[in-house]
C-alpha atoms as a PDB file:
ATOM      1  CA  MET A   1     -11.971 -10.144  25.078  1.00  0.00           C
ATOM      2  CA  THR A   2      -9.030  -9.434  22.802  1.00  0.00           C
ATOM      3  CA  LEU A   3      -6.733 -12.287  21.879  1.00  0.00           C
ATOM      4  CA  ALA A   4      -3.150 -11.413  21.087  1.00  0.00           C
ATOM      5  CA  VAL A   5      -1.911 -13.059  17.923  1.00  0.00           C
ATOM      6  CA  GLN A   6       1.500 -14.595  18.360  1.00  0.00           C
ATOM      7  CA  ARG A   7       3.550 -14.181  15.207  1.00  0.00           C
ATOM      8  CA  LYS A   8       6.391 -16.534  14.621  1.00  0.00           C
ATOM      9  CA  HIS A   9       9.553 -14.627  13.829  1.00  0.00           C
ATOM     10  CA  VAL A  10      12.235 -16.020  11.575  1.00  0.00           C
ATOM     11  CA  ARG A  11      15.816 -14.925  11.400  1.00  0.00           C
ATOM     12  CA  ILE A  12      17.336 -13.467   8.246  1.00  0.00           C
ATOM     13  CA  ASN A  13      20.771 -12.064   7.634  1.00  0.00           C
ATOM     14  CA  ILE A  14      21.346  -8.835   5.763  1.00  0.00           C
ATOM     15  CA  GLN A  15      24.392  -6.794   5.005  1.00  0.00           C
ATOM     16  CA  ILE A  16      24.407  -3.046   5.552  1.00  0.00           C
ATOM     17  CA  SER A  17      27.138  -0.474   5.808  1.00  0.00           C
ATOM     18  CA  GLU A  18      28.684   0.341   9.170  1.00  0.00           C
ATOM     19  CA  GLU A  19      27.332   3.854   8.820  1.00  0.00           C
ATOM     20  CA  THR A  20      23.777   2.542   8.396  1.00  0.00           C
ATOM     21  CA  ARG A  21      24.230   0.183  11.351  1.00  0.00           C
ATOM     22  CA  ASP A  22      25.444   3.060  13.499  1.00  0.00           C
ATOM     23  CA  LYS A  23      22.468   5.219  12.482  1.00  0.00           C
ATOM     24  CA  LEU A  24      20.108   2.329  13.203  1.00  0.00           C
ATOM     25  CA  ALA A  25      21.641   1.839  16.622  1.00  0.00           C
ATOM     26  CA  GLU A  26      21.292   5.539  17.392  1.00  0.00           C
ATOM     27  CA  VAL A  27      17.656   5.762  16.269  1.00  0.00           C
ATOM     28  CA  ALA A  28      16.759   2.499  18.018  1.00  0.00           C
ATOM     29  CA  SER A  29      18.344   3.801  21.226  1.00  0.00           C
ATOM     30  CA  LEU A  30      16.438   7.083  20.990  1.00  0.00           C
ATOM     31  CA  GLN A  31      13.186   5.151  20.609  1.00  0.00           C
ATOM     32  CA  GLY A  32      14.050   2.638  23.320  1.00  0.00           C
ATOM     33  CA  LYS A  33      13.939  -0.265  20.872  1.00  0.00           C
ATOM     34  CA  LYS A  34      16.252  -2.963  19.689  1.00  0.00           C
ATOM     35  CA  ILE A  35      17.699  -2.592  16.216  1.00  0.00           C
ATOM     36  CA  SER A  36      15.879  -5.736  15.085  1.00  0.00           C
ATOM     37  CA  ALA A  37      12.525  -4.274  16.179  1.00  0.00           C
ATOM     38  CA  LEU A  38      13.230  -1.031  14.332  1.00  0.00           C
ATOM     39  CA  VAL A  39      14.248  -2.897  11.165  1.00  0.00           C
ATOM     40  CA  ARG A  40      11.199  -5.189  11.392  1.00  0.00           C
ATOM     41  CA  GLU A  41       8.841  -2.222  11.804  1.00  0.00           C
ATOM     42  CA  SER A  42      10.482  -0.411   8.909  1.00  0.00           C
ATOM     43  CA  ILE A  43      10.133  -3.411   6.607  1.00  0.00           C
ATOM     44  CA  GLU A  44       6.493  -3.906   7.589  1.00  0.00           C
ATOM     45  CA  GLU A  45       5.776  -0.210   6.971  1.00  0.00           C
ATOM     46  CA  LYS A  46       7.429  -0.371   3.542  1.00  0.00           C
ATOM     47  CA  ILE A  47       5.419  -3.467   2.600  1.00  0.00           C
ATOM     48  CA  ARG A  48       2.156  -1.770   3.668  1.00  0.00           C
ATOM     49  CA  ARG A  49       3.036   1.301   1.597  1.00  0.00           C
ATOM     50  CA  ILE A  50       3.800  -0.781  -1.498  1.00  0.00           C
ATOM     51  CA  GLU A  51       0.585  -2.786  -1.052  1.00  0.00           C
ATOM     52  CA  ARG A  52      -1.411   0.456  -0.704  1.00  0.00           C
ATOM     53  CA  GLU A  53       0.225   1.910  -3.842  1.00  0.00           C
ATOM     54  CA  LEU A  54      -0.573  -1.264  -5.791  1.00  0.00           C
ATOM     55  CA  PHE A  55      -4.175  -1.198  -4.542  1.00  0.00           C
ATOM     56  CA  GLU A  56      -4.560   2.461  -5.527  1.00  0.00           C
ATOM     57  CA  GLU A  57      -3.112   1.782  -8.972  1.00  0.00           C
ATOM     58  CA  ASN A  58      -5.529  -1.129  -9.455  1.00  0.00           C
ATOM     59  CA  MET A  59      -8.423   1.087  -8.384  1.00  0.00           C
ATOM     60  CA  LYS A  60      -7.364   3.806 -10.849  1.00  0.00           C
ATOM     61  CA  THR A  61      -7.260   1.239 -13.635  1.00  0.00           C
ATOM     62  CA  ALA A  62     -10.679  -0.114 -12.682  1.00  0.00           C
ATOM     63  CA  TYR A  63     -12.231   3.361 -12.468  1.00  0.00           C
ATOM     64  CA  LYS A  64     -10.716   4.299 -15.818  1.00  0.00           C
ATOM     65  CA  GLY A  65     -12.252   1.186 -17.353  1.00  0.00           C
ATOM     66  CA  LEU A  66     -15.639   2.001 -15.834  1.00  0.00           C
ATOM     67  CA  SER A  67     -15.375   5.572 -17.057  1.00  0.00           C
ATOM     68  CA  GLU A  68     -14.703   4.425 -20.603  1.00  0.00           C
ATOM     69  CA  GLU A  69     -17.593   1.960 -20.430  1.00  0.00           C
ATOM     70  CA  ASN A  70     -19.940   4.665 -19.103  1.00  0.00           C
ATOM     71  CA  ALA A  71     -18.887   6.984 -21.943  1.00  0.00           C
ATOM     72  CA  ARG A  72     -19.693   4.263 -24.506  1.00  0.00           C
ATOM     73  CA  ILE A  73     -23.086   3.613 -22.925  1.00  0.00           C
ATOM     74  CA  SER A  74     -23.880   7.330 -22.860  1.00  0.00           C
ATOM     75  CA  GLU A  75     -22.925   7.587 -26.527  1.00  0.00           C
ATOM     76  CA  ASP A  76     -25.222   4.648 -27.378  1.00  0.00           C
ATOM     77  CA  PHE A  77     -28.197   6.298 -25.708  1.00  0.00           C
ATOM     78  CA  LYS A  78     -27.658   9.963 -26.608  1.00  0.00           C
ATOM     79  CA  TYR A  79     -30.178   9.824 -29.468  1.00  0.00           C
ATOM     80  CA  ALA A  80     -32.700   7.820 -27.444  1.00  0.00           C
ATOM     81  CA  ASP A  81     -32.657  10.508 -24.760  1.00  0.00           C
ATOM     82  CA  SER A  82     -33.351  13.280 -27.269  1.00  0.00           C
ATOM     83  CA  GLU A  83     -36.337  11.356 -28.734  1.00  0.00           C
ATOM     84  CA  ASN A  84     -38.192  11.681 -25.428  1.00  0.00           C
ATOM     85  CA  LEU A  85     -37.913  15.466 -25.508  1.00  0.00           C
ATOM     86  CA  ALA A  86     -39.987  15.911 -28.691  1.00  0.00           C
END
């Protein structure tokens, strides 16, 4: 059984140009949505994208750190590895 999560919506006021409002109204109408729904979805999408970019940047930093550590460890053991070949 799937339970629907009810999210509490809060009202905020923003200022946009008339041109942007008109474009929003047109796109919302084409999609059969209210302007507020379109704006809400757009904001949520932007937040998800920013969070994903931040996560990817953190992963790059972590992998770079691991790579540097692995290089140091390999350097420490390069002579020990060659001793076993003799």
